[in-house]
């Protein structure tokens, strides 16, 4: 949420009470004061944990007394739970902005709980993704009013959850629908991760980068194993549905990437091509009558694409001087080698040989990867200096 003085400053500038140069000097001074007087990490950690515990405690209290309440009391408690945190956050906005943002975030989380509890109170047999849609709409409204990073993070979480839930319901019983969703989420995680740069490091972009970094490796694993999700007898998606849905699944994350990165957006197009290639080489169940070449491609192709993506992410981090991309790329490469060893090598060796090989892989491979990672980070530090 913007400070009150900033709104007054814009008003005074617009009506000509102060000049634009003076307004910029005031903003620069206040920004410097925020850096000097900013909250230390123990305070931020305490506020974050306090918000989580407060929300969990409130929900636990409601769950403990739920059966003793009448429907009217239940609905009143839900409304009180949703409204209390937002009102408290608004009252504290001019005194302690970090605590205010935390309370507003807890209020938005409680909104989702309230939506689904209201459905349970009144026995509403509705389309369940609609609850996620209402929750996401509430997060969008809160972000539009507050413009802070906790609400932006909730928007970035809830909007894909709603779209994914709608697609799961719409494509139930169709083969290949899970792969489309997995590829969309992987490309979205890449867009979140790469939305931050040296020139643009706002708290919202940092939160999106954290979200994308946490989701990147699980999403890549989901795409890698999406070929094994098809059930026997499931119908294939018709081409009239498959093409526009797949186009939308790739276009939505790319539009977000363009909005976040502008001229540097072209690298995300290469990342989208890699996502498609990873999906095309996804692990599949073995079938009879395979040629030796097809069997080797089925077993090695997905791991090769994951290794290529990890190397590409490292190169992307070096190009744009982003440490987190280098670290994630190194971690992704290490996990790719490790999973390949367990799935394709370990069962072909004896017990002792497999353990020895695993030990050598951990010791020698870990040392080489860490050496390379430190060398790349040192190059970034040297370039920054």
Protein backbone atom coordinates (compact mmCIF):
# COMPACT_ATOMS: atom_id res chain seq x y z
CA UNK A 1 0.00 0.00 0.00
CA UNK A 2 1.34 3.46 -0.83
CA UNK A 3 2.10 5.81 2.03
CA UNK A 4 -0.34 8.66 2.60
CA UNK A 5 2.35 11.29 2.03
CA UNK A 6 2.88 9.99 -1.51
CA UNK A 7 -0.78 10.53 -2.41
CA UNK A 8 -0.61 14.06 -1.02
CA UNK A 9 2.62 14.67 -2.93
CA UNK A 10 0.98 13.70 -6.21
CA UNK A 11 -1.99 15.96 -5.44
CA UNK A 12 0.24 18.94 -4.62
CA UNK A 13 2.29 18.36 -7.78
CA UNK A 14 -0.79 18.10 -9.99
CA UNK A 15 -2.21 21.44 -8.82
CA UNK A 16 1.17 23.20 -9.02
CA UNK A 17 1.92 23.77 -5.33
CA UNK A 18 5.34 22.15 -5.71
CA UNK A 19 7.49 21.50 -8.75
CA UNK A 20 8.17 18.06 -10.17
CA UNK A 21 11.88 18.30 -9.37
CA UNK A 22 11.09 19.00 -5.71
CA UNK A 23 8.68 16.05 -5.64
CA UNK A 24 11.37 13.74 -7.01
CA UNK A 25 13.83 14.93 -4.37
CA UNK A 26 11.24 14.22 -1.66
CA UNK A 27 10.65 10.72 -3.04
CA UNK A 28 14.40 10.03 -3.21
CA UNK A 29 14.82 11.19 0.39
CA UNK A 30 11.94 9.06 1.66
CA UNK A 31 13.22 6.04 -0.26
CA UNK A 32 16.63 6.46 1.38
CA UNK A 33 14.98 6.75 4.78
CA UNK A 34 13.06 3.53 4.16
CA UNK A 35 16.33 1.75 3.40
CA UNK A 36 17.97 3.09 6.56
CA UNK A 37 14.98 2.45 8.81
CA UNK A 38 13.78 -0.72 7.06
CA UNK A 39 12.72 -3.76 9.01
CA UNK A 40 15.36 -6.35 9.80
CA UNK A 41 14.81 -9.94 8.78
CA UNK A 42 13.99 -11.17 12.33
CA UNK A 43 11.11 -8.68 12.48
CA UNK A 44 9.86 -9.69 9.04
CA UNK A 45 10.15 -13.36 9.97
CA UNK A 46 8.23 -12.77 13.20
CA UNK A 47 5.47 -10.88 11.35
CA UNK A 48 5.18 -13.60 8.69
CA UNK A 49 5.05 -16.44 11.21
CA UNK A 50 2.65 -14.44 13.35
CA UNK A 51 0.30 -13.99 10.41
CA UNK A 52 0.40 -17.71 9.60
CA UNK A 53 -0.19 -18.71 13.22
CA UNK A 54 -2.97 -16.15 13.61
CA UNK A 55 -4.81 -17.44 10.55
CA UNK A 56 -4.29 -21.09 11.54
CA UNK A 57 -5.49 -20.39 15.09
CA UNK A 58 -8.62 -18.64 13.86
CA UNK A 59 -9.46 -21.50 11.50
CA UNK A 60 -8.79 -24.07 14.24
CA UNK A 61 -11.13 -22.17 16.59
CA UNK A 62 -13.86 -22.19 13.97
CA UNK A 63 -13.38 -25.92 13.30
CA UNK A 64 -13.51 -26.75 17.02
CA UNK A 65 -16.87 -25.00 17.55
CA UNK A 66 -18.42 -25.58 14.11
CA UNK A 67 -20.75 -28.42 15.08
CA UNK A 68 -22.23 -26.48 18.01
CA UNK A 69 -23.32 -23.50 15.93
CA UNK A 70 -26.56 -22.95 14.05
CA UNK A 71 -26.43 -22.13 10.31
CA UNK A 72 -27.05 -18.44 11.04
CA UNK A 73 -24.26 -18.36 13.64
CA UNK A 74 -21.93 -20.17 11.27
CA UNK A 75 -22.54 -17.67 8.48
CA UNK A 76 -22.12 -14.74 10.87
CA UNK A 77 -18.84 -16.19 12.11
CA UNK A 78 -17.61 -16.59 8.52
CA UNK A 79 -18.42 -12.96 7.74
CA UNK A 80 -16.73 -11.82 10.95
CA UNK A 81 -13.66 -13.90 10.18
CA UNK A 82 -13.32 -12.43 6.69
CA UNK A 83 -14.01 -8.82 7.69
CA UNK A 84 -12.05 -8.63 10.94
CA UNK A 85 -8.57 -9.00 9.44
CA UNK A 86 -9.18 -6.51 6.65
CA UNK A 87 -10.61 -3.94 9.05
CA UNK A 88 -7.67 -4.42 11.42
CA UNK A 89 -5.24 -4.10 8.52
CA UNK A 90 -6.88 -0.86 7.37
CA UNK A 91 -6.69 0.60 10.90
CA UNK A 92 -2.95 -0.18 11.15
CA UNK A 93 -2.02 1.00 7.65
CA UNK A 94 -0.65 4.36 8.79
CA UNK A 95 1.16 2.97 11.84
CA UNK A 96 2.78 -0.31 10.81
CA UNK A 97 2.56 -1.05 7.09
CA UNK A 98 4.18 -4.51 7.29
CA UNK A 99 1.70 -5.72 9.90
CA UNK A 100 -1.14 -4.14 7.92
CA UNK A 101 -0.14 -6.05 4.77
CA UNK A 102 0.08 -9.28 6.78
CA UNK A 103 -3.43 -8.84 8.22
CA UNK A 104 -4.85 -8.03 4.79
CA UNK A 105 -3.22 -11.19 3.40
CA UNK A 106 -4.73 -13.29 6.20
CA UNK A 107 -8.08 -11.69 5.43
CA UNK A 108 -7.84 -12.68 1.77
CA UNK A 109 -6.92 -16.25 2.74
CA UNK A 110 -9.91 -16.33 5.10
CA UNK A 111 -12.08 -15.16 2.20
CA UNK A 112 -11.45 -18.45 0.40
CA UNK A 113 -12.22 -20.40 3.55
CA UNK A 114 -15.41 -18.38 3.97
CA UNK A 115 -16.52 -19.05 0.39
CA UNK A 116 -16.25 -22.81 0.74
CA UNK A 117 -17.72 -22.80 4.25
CA UNK A 118 -20.69 -20.80 3.00
CA UNK A 119 -21.23 -23.44 0.34
CA UNK A 120 -21.17 -26.11 3.05
CA UNK A 121 -23.54 -24.17 5.32
CA UNK A 122 -26.22 -23.76 2.67
CA UNK A 123 -25.55 -27.14 0.98
CA UNK A 124 -24.77 -25.56 -2.37
CA UNK A 125 -24.13 -28.19 -5.04
CA UNK A 126 -22.38 -25.87 -7.44
CA UNK A 127 -19.49 -26.09 -9.85
CA UNK A 128 -16.57 -26.32 -7.37
CA UNK A 129 -14.05 -24.30 -9.47
CA UNK A 130 -16.51 -21.41 -9.08
CA UNK A 131 -15.38 -21.11 -5.45
CA UNK A 132 -11.80 -20.68 -6.63
CA UNK A 133 -13.01 -18.10 -9.16
CA UNK A 134 -14.68 -16.03 -6.41
CA UNK A 135 -11.59 -16.36 -4.23
CA UNK A 136 -9.35 -15.22 -7.09
CA UNK A 137 -11.70 -12.29 -7.78
CA UNK A 138 -11.44 -11.26 -4.13
CA UNK A 139 -7.65 -11.39 -4.35
CA UNK A 140 -7.70 -9.29 -7.54
CA UNK A 141 -9.91 -6.67 -5.83
CA UNK A 142 -7.63 -6.62 -2.77
CA UNK A 143 -4.56 -6.21 -4.97
CA UNK A 144 -6.23 -3.42 -6.93
CA UNK A 145 -6.91 -1.54 -3.70
CA UNK A 146 -3.69 -2.28 -1.80
CA UNK A 147 -1.07 -2.83 -4.54
CA UNK A 148 1.21 -4.80 -2.20
CA UNK A 149 3.19 -7.97 -2.84
CA UNK A 150 1.25 -10.38 -0.55
CA UNK A 151 -1.95 -9.74 -2.51
CA UNK A 152 -0.06 -10.02 -5.80
CA UNK A 153 1.30 -13.39 -4.65
CA UNK A 154 -2.20 -14.60 -3.82
CA UNK A 155 -3.40 -13.44 -7.24
CA UNK A 156 -0.50 -15.29 -8.89
CA UNK A 157 -1.45 -18.46 -6.99
CA UNK A 158 -5.24 -18.39 -7.14
CA UNK A 159 -5.73 -17.38 -10.77
CA UNK A 160 -3.85 -20.42 -12.21
CA UNK A 161 -5.57 -22.63 -9.61
CA UNK A 162 -8.98 -21.49 -10.86
CA UNK A 163 -8.10 -21.87 -14.56
CA UNK A 164 -6.54 -25.27 -13.90
CA UNK A 165 -9.58 -26.44 -11.94
CA UNK A 166 -11.90 -25.35 -14.76
CA UNK A 167 -9.79 -27.28 -17.27
CA UNK A 168 -9.71 -30.41 -15.06
CA UNK A 169 -13.49 -30.38 -14.83
CA UNK A 170 -14.01 -29.61 -18.53
CA UNK A 171 -11.56 -32.27 -19.76
CA UNK A 172 -12.47 -35.07 -17.36
CA UNK A 173 -12.14 -38.41 -19.15
CA UNK A 174 -10.06 -37.05 -22.06
CA UNK A 175 -6.54 -38.32 -22.74
CA UNK A 176 -3.72 -35.76 -22.88
CA UNK A 177 -5.47 -33.03 -20.91
CA UNK A 178 -3.03 -33.32 -18.01
CA UNK A 179 -0.04 -32.69 -20.27
CA UNK A 180 -1.53 -29.40 -21.50
CA UNK A 181 -2.07 -28.19 -17.93
CA UNK A 182 1.42 -29.27 -16.84
CA UNK A 183 3.08 -27.44 -19.75
CA UNK A 184 1.05 -24.30 -19.05
CA UNK A 185 2.08 -24.33 -15.38
CA UNK A 186 5.75 -24.93 -16.26
CA UNK A 187 5.81 -22.01 -18.69
CA UNK A 188 3.99 -19.87 -16.12
CA UNK A 189 6.62 -20.74 -13.50
CA UNK A 190 9.33 -19.66 -15.95
CA UNK A 191 7.50 -16.37 -16.56
CA UNK A 192 7.27 -15.74 -12.81
CA UNK A 193 10.93 -16.61 -12.23
CA UNK A 194 12.28 -14.44 -15.04
CA UNK A 195 10.06 -11.41 -14.37
CA UNK A 196 12.76 -9.89 -12.15
CA UNK A 197 15.86 -8.18 -13.52
CA UNK A 198 18.64 -5.89 -12.36
CA UNK A 199 16.62 -2.86 -13.44
CA UNK A 200 13.26 -4.08 -12.05
CA UNK A 201 13.46 -5.52 -8.54
CA UNK A 202 10.21 -4.50 -6.87
CA UNK A 203 8.87 -6.56 -3.93
CA UNK A 204 6.11 -7.92 -6.18
CA UNK A 205 8.61 -9.14 -8.77
CA UNK A 206 10.73 -10.71 -6.04
CA UNK A 207 7.67 -12.55 -4.70
CA UNK A 208 6.84 -13.81 -8.20
CA UNK A 209 10.44 -14.94 -8.68
CA UNK A 210 10.27 -16.91 -5.42
CA UNK A 211 6.97 -18.44 -6.48
CA UNK A 212 8.31 -19.40 -9.89
CA UNK A 213 11.53 -20.79 -8.42
CA UNK A 214 9.64 -23.02 -5.98
CA UNK A 215 7.29 -24.28 -8.70
CA UNK A 216 9.81 -24.70 -11.54
CA UNK A 217 11.33 -28.11 -10.73
CA UNK A 218 8.03 -29.78 -9.65
CA UNK A 219 6.33 -28.41 -12.78
CA UNK A 220 9.15 -29.73 -15.00
CA UNK A 221 8.79 -33.11 -13.32
CA UNK A 222 5.03 -33.05 -13.97
CA UNK A 223 5.61 -32.39 -17.69
CA UNK A 224 8.28 -35.10 -17.78
CA UNK A 225 5.90 -37.72 -16.36
CA UNK A 226 2.75 -36.44 -18.04
CA UNK A 227 2.98 -39.13 -20.71
CA UNK A 228 2.18 -41.79 -18.11
CA UNK A 229 -1.10 -40.13 -17.02
CA UNK A 230 -3.28 -41.43 -19.84
CA UNK A 231 -5.73 -44.12 -18.79
CA UNK A 232 -6.69 -47.13 -20.88
CA UNK A 233 -9.80 -46.44 -22.92
CA UNK A 234 -9.67 -42.66 -22.46
CA UNK A 235 -10.71 -40.63 -25.49
CA UNK A 236 -8.27 -38.31 -27.23
CA UNK A 237 -9.06 -34.62 -27.35
CA UNK A 238 -10.57 -33.56 -30.71
CA UNK A 239 -8.36 -31.37 -32.86
CA UNK A 240 -10.99 -28.62 -32.79
CA UNK A 241 -10.52 -28.38 -29.02
CA UNK A 242 -6.86 -29.40 -28.74
CA UNK A 243 -5.39 -26.67 -30.96
CA UNK A 244 -7.07 -23.59 -29.40
CA UNK A 245 -6.63 -24.90 -25.85
CA UNK A 246 -2.95 -25.64 -26.38
CA UNK A 247 -2.50 -22.22 -27.98
CA UNK A 248 -4.15 -20.52 -25.01
CA UNK A 249 -2.11 -22.60 -22.55
CA UNK A 250 1.10 -21.29 -24.11
CA UNK A 251 -0.11 -17.78 -24.94
CA UNK A 252 -1.27 -16.77 -21.44
CA UNK A 253 2.11 -17.28 -19.72
CA UNK A 254 3.89 -15.67 -22.68
CA UNK A 255 1.66 -12.59 -22.50
CA UNK A 256 2.57 -12.27 -18.82
CA UNK A 257 6.26 -12.69 -19.69
CA UNK A 258 5.98 -9.94 -22.31
CA UNK A 259 4.32 -7.62 -19.79
CA UNK A 260 7.05 -8.27 -17.23
CA UNK A 261 10.08 -8.30 -19.56
CA UNK A 262 9.17 -6.27 -22.67
CA UNK A 263 12.24 -6.29 -24.99
CA UNK A 264 13.86 -9.27 -23.24
CA UNK A 265 10.74 -11.34 -23.91
CA UNK A 266 12.34 -13.20 -26.83
CA UNK A 267 14.20 -15.59 -24.50
CA UNK A 268 10.85 -16.71 -23.08
CA UNK A 269 9.86 -17.77 -26.60
CA UNK A 270 12.88 -20.10 -26.63
CA UNK A 271 11.81 -21.38 -23.21
CA UNK A 272 8.32 -22.09 -24.60
CA UNK A 273 9.88 -24.12 -27.41
CA UNK A 274 11.82 -26.12 -24.82
CA UNK A 275 8.63 -26.76 -22.84
CA UNK A 276 6.99 -28.18 -25.97
CA UNK A 277 10.01 -30.37 -26.66
CA UNK A 278 10.02 -31.64 -23.08
CA UNK A 279 6.33 -32.48 -23.38
CA UNK A 280 6.96 -34.27 -26.69
CA UNK A 281 9.63 -36.46 -25.06
CA UNK A 282 7.66 -37.12 -21.85
CA UNK A 283 8.19 -40.50 -20.22
CA UNK A 284 5.76 -43.12 -21.47
CA UNK A 285 4.85 -46.64 -20.52
CA UNK A 286 6.76 -49.25 -22.59
CA UNK A 287 4.84 -50.89 -25.43
CA UNK A 288 5.50 -54.14 -27.20
CA UNK A 289 7.39 -54.32 -30.48
CA UNK A 290 9.54 -51.24 -29.87
CA UNK A 291 12.67 -50.82 -31.94
CA UNK A 292 15.96 -50.37 -30.13
CA UNK A 293 16.18 -46.74 -31.26
CA UNK A 294 12.67 -45.92 -30.05
CA UNK A 295 13.34 -47.59 -26.71
CA UNK A 296 16.56 -45.59 -26.27
CA UNK A 297 14.74 -42.36 -27.14
CA UNK A 298 11.89 -43.16 -24.73
CA UNK A 299 14.37 -43.78 -21.91
CA UNK A 300 16.94 -41.04 -22.62
CA UNK A 301 14.99 -38.26 -24.35
CA UNK A 302 13.24 -36.75 -21.29
CA UNK A 303 16.44 -36.68 -19.25
CA UNK A 304 18.34 -35.12 -22.13
CA UNK A 305 15.72 -32.38 -22.44
CA UNK A 306 15.81 -31.71 -18.69
CA UNK A 307 19.60 -31.46 -18.81
CA UNK A 308 19.36 -29.10 -21.79
CA UNK A 309 16.82 -26.95 -19.94
CA UNK A 310 19.03 -26.79 -16.84
CA UNK A 311 22.02 -25.69 -18.91
CA UNK A 312 19.83 -23.12 -20.66
CA UNK A 313 18.63 -21.73 -17.33
CA UNK A 314 22.23 -21.41 -16.14
CA UNK A 315 23.16 -19.55 -19.34
CA UNK A 316 20.09 -17.33 -18.90
CA UNK A 317 21.20 -16.49 -15.38
CA UNK A 318 24.71 -15.63 -16.56
CA UNK A 319 23.37 -13.43 -19.37
CA UNK A 320 21.06 -11.42 -17.10
CA UNK A 321 23.24 -11.64 -13.95
CA UNK A 322 20.67 -13.52 -11.86
CA UNK A 323 22.08 -15.77 -9.15
CA UNK A 324 18.82 -17.61 -8.48
CA UNK A 325 18.61 -18.89 -12.05
CA UNK A 326 22.15 -20.22 -11.88
CA UNK A 327 21.44 -21.97 -8.59
CA UNK A 328 18.18 -23.45 -9.90
CA UNK A 329 19.85 -24.58 -13.11
CA UNK A 330 22.60 -26.35 -11.19
CA UNK A 331 20.04 -27.99 -8.89
CA UNK A 332 17.95 -29.08 -11.88
CA UNK A 333 20.96 -30.61 -13.62
CA UNK A 334 21.97 -32.48 -10.46
CA UNK A 335 18.44 -33.86 -9.98
CA UNK A 336 18.30 -34.91 -13.64
CA UNK A 337 21.51 -36.91 -13.33
CA UNK A 338 20.38 -38.41 -10.03
CA UNK A 339 16.97 -39.53 -11.33
CA UNK A 340 18.55 -40.91 -14.49
CA UNK A 341 20.96 -42.98 -12.39
CA UNK A 342 18.16 -44.38 -10.24
CA UNK A 343 15.81 -45.17 -13.13
CA UNK A 344 18.19 -46.35 -15.89
CA UNK A 345 21.54 -47.30 -14.39
CA UNK A 346 21.18 -48.55 -10.82
CA UNK A 347 18.98 -51.55 -11.62
CA UNK A 348 21.47 -52.75 -14.25
CA UNK A 349 24.33 -53.00 -11.73
CA UNK A 350 24.90 -55.23 -8.78
CA UNK A 351 24.08 -54.07 -5.29
CA UNK A 352 27.66 -53.17 -4.34
CA UNK A 353 28.48 -51.60 -7.72
CA UNK A 354 25.32 -49.50 -7.67
CA UNK A 355 26.11 -48.14 -4.21
CA UNK A 356 29.71 -47.40 -5.19
CA UNK A 357 28.53 -45.63 -8.32
CA UNK A 358 26.01 -43.62 -6.32
CA UNK A 359 28.72 -42.57 -3.87
CA UNK A 360 31.03 -41.50 -6.70
CA UNK A 361 28.14 -39.61 -8.30
CA UNK A 362 27.43 -37.70 -5.10
CA UNK A 363 31.07 -36.94 -4.27
CA UNK A 364 32.62 -36.24 -7.66
CA UNK A 365 29.51 -34.87 -9.36
CA UNK A 366 28.61 -32.68 -6.40
CA UNK A 367 32.13 -31.29 -6.22
CA UNK A 368 32.25 -30.49 -9.93
CA UNK A 369 28.82 -28.84 -9.93
CA UNK A 370 29.60 -26.74 -6.85
CA UNK A 371 32.93 -25.70 -8.35
CA UNK A 372 31.21 -24.61 -11.55
CA UNK A 373 28.46 -22.81 -9.62
CA UNK A 374 30.95 -20.83 -7.54
CA UNK A 375 32.95 -19.92 -10.63
CA UNK A 376 29.84 -18.57 -12.37
CA UNK A 377 28.74 -16.60 -9.29
CA UNK A 378 32.23 -15.17 -8.95
CA UNK A 379 32.05 -14.03 -12.56
CA UNK A 380 28.78 -12.27 -11.79
CA UNK A 381 30.30 -10.54 -8.77
CA UNK A 382 33.29 -9.46 -10.84
CA UNK A 383 31.01 -8.10 -13.58
CA UNK A 384 28.91 -6.21 -11.02
CA UNK A 385 32.01 -4.63 -9.52
